[in-house]
Amino acid sequence: MTDYNFNIKAKRPEEIYQNVFEYFKDDQVIKYSTSKSMMKIQEKITLRALEIIKIQPKDLVLDAGSGCGFSSIVLNKLGFNVVSLDIIKHLLTYYQIPELNPTLADICLTPFRDETFEAIISISALQWIYSDLNNTNMENNLYNLINSFHRILKPNGKVIFQFYPKTKNIMEKIGSTFKKKDFFEGNFIIDNIKSPKKRKIFLFLKKKP
């Protein structure tokens, strides 16, 4: 893969806080959930993810790490059957939108039946699961996520992650870990690859038969 610059001066939340619970305290939940700019960014990324993944309206889609539901709202408006899943209760219930089927759970240990979903979309969540090459717990969480997503996807089901890896090595380690399990096939798609600020990284995967 072509080498490019990951060096961005501003630190992201997952670099500052030990975990997502520490970051999303009450004041941050309100700030995030009422941010119009965040809503627009999430909508744009979700639409781009749909361009890549190419799924059909009426498909049952899991929004993994949905937060307050910005991506889920987009999916719902476009005609998808959506389940919003997040581990932060106050985020998940902020807007009280029952048609998004809010489900409180860890995306690494999803509580659904086998072969439930046609697709899984995860926007800006994967970096909380795995952001440190030397963290064994994070590596275990990533394996749990892979096993869980493979289990709940229907045959030939699709997954797309948009995330913000801190380094190129972390991005490639995530890709190699998915390949190591041999449950999925796919590749990275990187928009605006030469611009650290505008770059968007997607990992698109399809469950092997």
Protein backbone atom coordinates (compact mmCIF):
# COMPACT_ATOMS: atom_id res chain seq x y z
CA MET A 1 0.00 0.00 0.00
CA THR A 2 1.23 3.50 -0.81
CA ASP A 3 2.85 5.21 2.16
CA TYR A 4 1.17 8.37 3.42
CA ASN A 5 1.19 10.67 6.40
CA PHE A 6 -0.80 9.79 9.50
CA ASN A 7 0.67 12.63 11.54
CA ILE A 8 -2.16 14.86 12.75
CA LYS A 9 -1.33 17.28 15.55
CA ALA A 10 -4.75 17.33 17.23
CA LYS A 11 -5.37 14.31 19.42
CA ARG A 12 -8.56 12.32 19.01
CA PRO A 13 -10.72 11.42 22.05
CA GLU A 14 -9.60 7.78 22.09
CA GLU A 15 -6.02 9.01 22.56
CA ILE A 16 -6.97 11.18 25.54
CA TYR A 17 -9.51 9.05 27.40
CA GLN A 18 -8.97 5.52 28.67
CA ASN A 19 -12.29 4.29 27.32
CA VAL A 20 -15.54 5.39 25.73
CA PHE A 21 -17.33 5.53 29.09
CA GLU A 22 -14.87 8.08 30.41
CA TYR A 23 -15.32 10.23 27.31
CA PHE A 24 -19.10 10.13 27.06
CA LYS A 25 -20.09 11.59 30.40
CA ASP A 26 -23.37 13.52 30.62
CA ASP A 27 -22.03 16.85 29.35
CA GLN A 28 -20.30 15.20 26.38
CA VAL A 29 -23.42 13.20 25.51
CA ILE A 30 -25.39 16.44 25.21
CA LYS A 31 -22.63 18.22 23.29
CA TYR A 32 -22.27 15.37 20.81
CA SER A 33 -25.96 14.64 20.36
CA THR A 34 -26.89 18.28 19.70
CA SER A 35 -24.00 19.02 17.32
CA LYS A 36 -25.34 19.90 13.88
CA SER A 37 -21.85 19.64 12.39
CA MET A 38 -21.43 16.13 13.81
CA MET A 39 -24.82 15.18 12.41
CA LYS A 40 -23.82 16.39 8.94
CA ILE A 41 -20.47 14.61 9.09
CA GLN A 42 -22.09 11.33 10.16
CA GLU A 43 -24.71 11.63 7.42
CA LYS A 44 -22.06 12.22 4.76
CA ILE A 45 -19.94 9.29 5.93
CA THR A 46 -22.96 6.99 6.13
CA LEU A 47 -24.03 7.83 2.58
CA ARG A 48 -20.49 7.16 1.38
CA ALA A 49 -20.46 3.83 3.23
CA LEU A 50 -23.70 2.88 1.48
CA GLU A 51 -22.14 3.70 -1.90
CA ILE A 52 -19.39 1.21 -1.12
CA ILE A 53 -21.37 -1.58 0.48
CA LYS A 54 -24.26 -1.61 -2.03
CA ILE A 55 -27.10 -3.07 0.01
CA GLN A 56 -30.82 -2.98 -0.74
CA PRO A 57 -33.59 -1.04 1.02
CA LYS A 58 -35.58 -3.26 3.39
CA ASP A 59 -32.38 -5.14 4.31
CA LEU A 60 -31.93 -5.57 8.05
CA VAL A 61 -28.88 -3.50 8.99
CA LEU A 62 -27.06 -3.26 12.31
CA ASP A 63 -25.64 0.17 13.11
CA ALA A 64 -22.83 -0.96 15.40
CA GLY A 65 -21.65 1.75 17.77
CA SER A 66 -24.57 3.94 16.75
CA GLY A 67 -24.20 6.61 19.41
CA CYS A 68 -27.33 8.79 19.45
CA GLY A 69 -28.38 7.43 16.07
CA PHE A 70 -27.21 9.88 13.41
CA SER A 71 -26.32 7.08 10.98
CA SER A 72 -29.37 5.03 11.96
CA ILE A 73 -31.67 7.94 11.12
CA VAL A 74 -30.14 8.13 7.64
CA LEU A 75 -30.57 4.39 7.13
CA ASN A 76 -34.16 4.50 8.35
CA LYS A 77 -35.07 7.39 6.04
CA LEU A 78 -33.64 5.48 3.07
CA GLY A 79 -35.88 2.51 3.77
CA PHE A 80 -33.55 0.11 5.57
CA ASN A 81 -34.69 -1.84 8.59
CA VAL A 82 -32.19 -0.75 11.20
CA VAL A 83 -31.12 -1.80 14.67
CA SER A 84 -29.09 0.78 16.61
CA LEU A 85 -26.59 -0.74 19.01
CA ASP A 86 -24.42 1.13 21.48
CA ILE A 87 -22.86 0.57 24.88
CA ILE A 88 -23.58 4.09 26.20
CA LYS A 89 -27.18 4.17 27.44
CA HIS A 90 -27.55 7.96 27.59
CA LEU A 91 -26.39 8.27 23.97
CA LEU A 92 -28.60 5.46 22.74
CA THR A 93 -31.76 6.86 24.34
CA TYR A 94 -31.08 10.58 23.88
CA TYR A 95 -33.60 11.06 21.07
CA GLN A 96 -36.10 8.34 22.06
CA ILE A 97 -36.66 7.03 18.51
CA PRO A 98 -38.14 3.53 18.91
CA GLU A 99 -38.19 2.84 15.16
CA LEU A 100 -34.40 2.63 15.31
CA ASN A 101 -34.73 -0.39 17.63
CA PRO A 102 -32.17 0.85 20.18
CA THR A 103 -30.23 -2.00 21.77
CA LEU A 104 -27.86 -1.55 24.69
CA ALA A 105 -24.89 -3.88 24.26
CA ASP A 106 -21.18 -4.17 23.52
CA ILE A 107 -20.47 -4.37 19.78
CA CYS A 108 -17.84 -7.02 20.55
CA LEU A 109 -20.45 -9.27 22.18
CA THR A 110 -23.65 -8.69 20.24
CA PRO A 111 -26.81 -10.28 21.71
CA PHE A 112 -28.50 -11.29 18.46
CA ARG A 113 -29.36 -14.65 16.97
CA ASP A 114 -27.12 -16.31 14.41
CA GLU A 115 -27.46 -15.10 10.81
CA THR A 116 -29.80 -12.20 11.63
CA PHE A 117 -28.46 -9.30 9.56
CA GLU A 118 -27.84 -8.69 5.87
CA ALA A 119 -25.30 -5.98 6.72
CA ILE A 120 -23.45 -4.19 9.49
CA ILE A 121 -22.41 -0.55 9.30
CA SER A 122 -20.09 0.93 11.90
CA ILE A 123 -19.17 4.62 11.73
CA SER A 124 -16.38 6.08 13.89
CA ALA A 125 -16.42 3.30 16.49
CA LEU A 126 -13.67 0.81 15.64
CA GLN A 127 -10.87 3.06 16.92
CA TRP A 128 -12.32 2.70 20.43
CA ILE A 129 -12.04 -1.08 20.12
CA TYR A 130 -8.49 -1.17 18.83
CA SER A 131 -6.12 1.79 19.03
CA ASP A 132 -2.96 0.37 20.61
CA LEU A 133 -0.70 -2.29 19.10
CA ASN A 134 0.61 -3.27 22.54
CA ASN A 135 -2.74 -3.65 24.30
CA THR A 136 -3.63 -7.33 24.65
CA ASN A 137 -7.15 -6.56 25.90
CA MET A 138 -7.84 -4.52 22.79
CA GLU A 139 -6.60 -7.36 20.61
CA ASN A 140 -8.93 -9.76 22.41
CA ASN A 141 -11.81 -7.32 21.92
CA LEU A 142 -11.08 -7.20 18.21
CA TYR A 143 -11.17 -11.00 17.96
CA ASN A 144 -14.46 -11.01 19.88
CA LEU A 145 -15.90 -8.44 17.47
CA ILE A 146 -14.85 -10.49 14.44
CA ASN A 147 -16.39 -13.66 15.88
CA SER A 148 -19.57 -11.85 16.85
CA PHE A 149 -20.07 -10.10 13.50
CA HIS A 150 -19.42 -13.31 11.61
CA ARG A 151 -21.98 -15.14 13.73
CA ILE A 152 -24.85 -12.64 13.34
CA LEU A 153 -24.40 -11.99 9.60
CA LYS A 154 -26.34 -13.99 7.05
CA PRO A 155 -24.36 -15.91 4.41
CA ASN A 156 -22.63 -13.41 2.09
CA GLY A 157 -23.51 -10.63 4.54
CA LYS A 158 -21.51 -7.42 4.35
CA VAL A 159 -19.69 -5.25 6.88
CA ILE A 160 -18.31 -1.75 6.49
CA PHE A 161 -16.28 0.13 9.08
CA GLN A 162 -15.34 3.78 8.86
CA PHE A 163 -12.75 4.55 11.49
CA TYR A 164 -9.78 6.71 12.46
CA PRO A 165 -6.66 4.62 13.09
CA LYS A 166 -3.94 6.47 14.95
CA THR A 167 -1.20 4.99 12.78
CA LYS A 168 -0.82 3.09 9.53
CA ASN A 169 0.47 0.11 11.54
CA ILE A 170 -2.75 -0.02 13.55
CA MET A 171 -4.84 0.13 10.39
CA GLU A 172 -2.86 -2.71 8.81
CA LYS A 173 -2.95 -4.78 12.02
CA ILE A 174 -6.75 -4.56 12.04
CA GLY A 175 -6.84 -5.68 8.40
CA SER A 176 -4.46 -8.58 9.02
CA THR A 177 -6.43 -9.71 12.08
CA PHE A 178 -9.60 -9.97 10.04
CA LYS A 179 -7.72 -11.96 7.39
CA LYS A 180 -6.18 -14.21 10.04
CA LYS A 181 -9.60 -15.40 11.19
CA ASP A 182 -10.48 -16.19 7.55
CA PHE A 183 -14.16 -15.37 8.08
CA PHE A 184 -14.27 -12.44 5.68
CA GLU A 185 -12.81 -11.20 2.43
CA GLY A 186 -12.41 -7.56 1.49
CA ASN A 187 -10.15 -4.53 1.49
CA PHE A 188 -9.55 -0.97 2.62
CA ILE A 189 -11.01 1.93 0.67
CA ILE A 190 -9.41 5.28 1.43
CA ASP A 191 -10.85 8.59 0.30
CA ASN A 192 -8.60 11.67 0.09
CA ILE A 193 -5.59 9.51 0.86
CA LYS A 194 -3.06 12.36 0.74
CA SER A 195 -4.93 14.67 3.10
CA PRO A 196 -4.62 13.81 6.81
CA LYS A 197 -7.55 16.09 7.69
CA LYS A 198 -9.95 15.02 4.93
CA ARG A 199 -8.94 11.36 4.73
CA LYS A 200 -11.67 8.81 5.38
CA ILE A 201 -10.73 5.15 5.85
CA PHE A 202 -13.23 2.36 5.25
CA LEU A 203 -12.79 -1.37 5.71
CA PHE A 204 -15.28 -3.22 3.52
CA LEU A 205 -15.76 -6.93 4.13
CA LYS A 206 -18.00 -9.75 2.92
CA LYS A 207 -18.68 -12.89 4.90
CA LYS A 208 -17.21 -15.93 3.21
CA PRO A 209 -19.65 -18.69 2.20
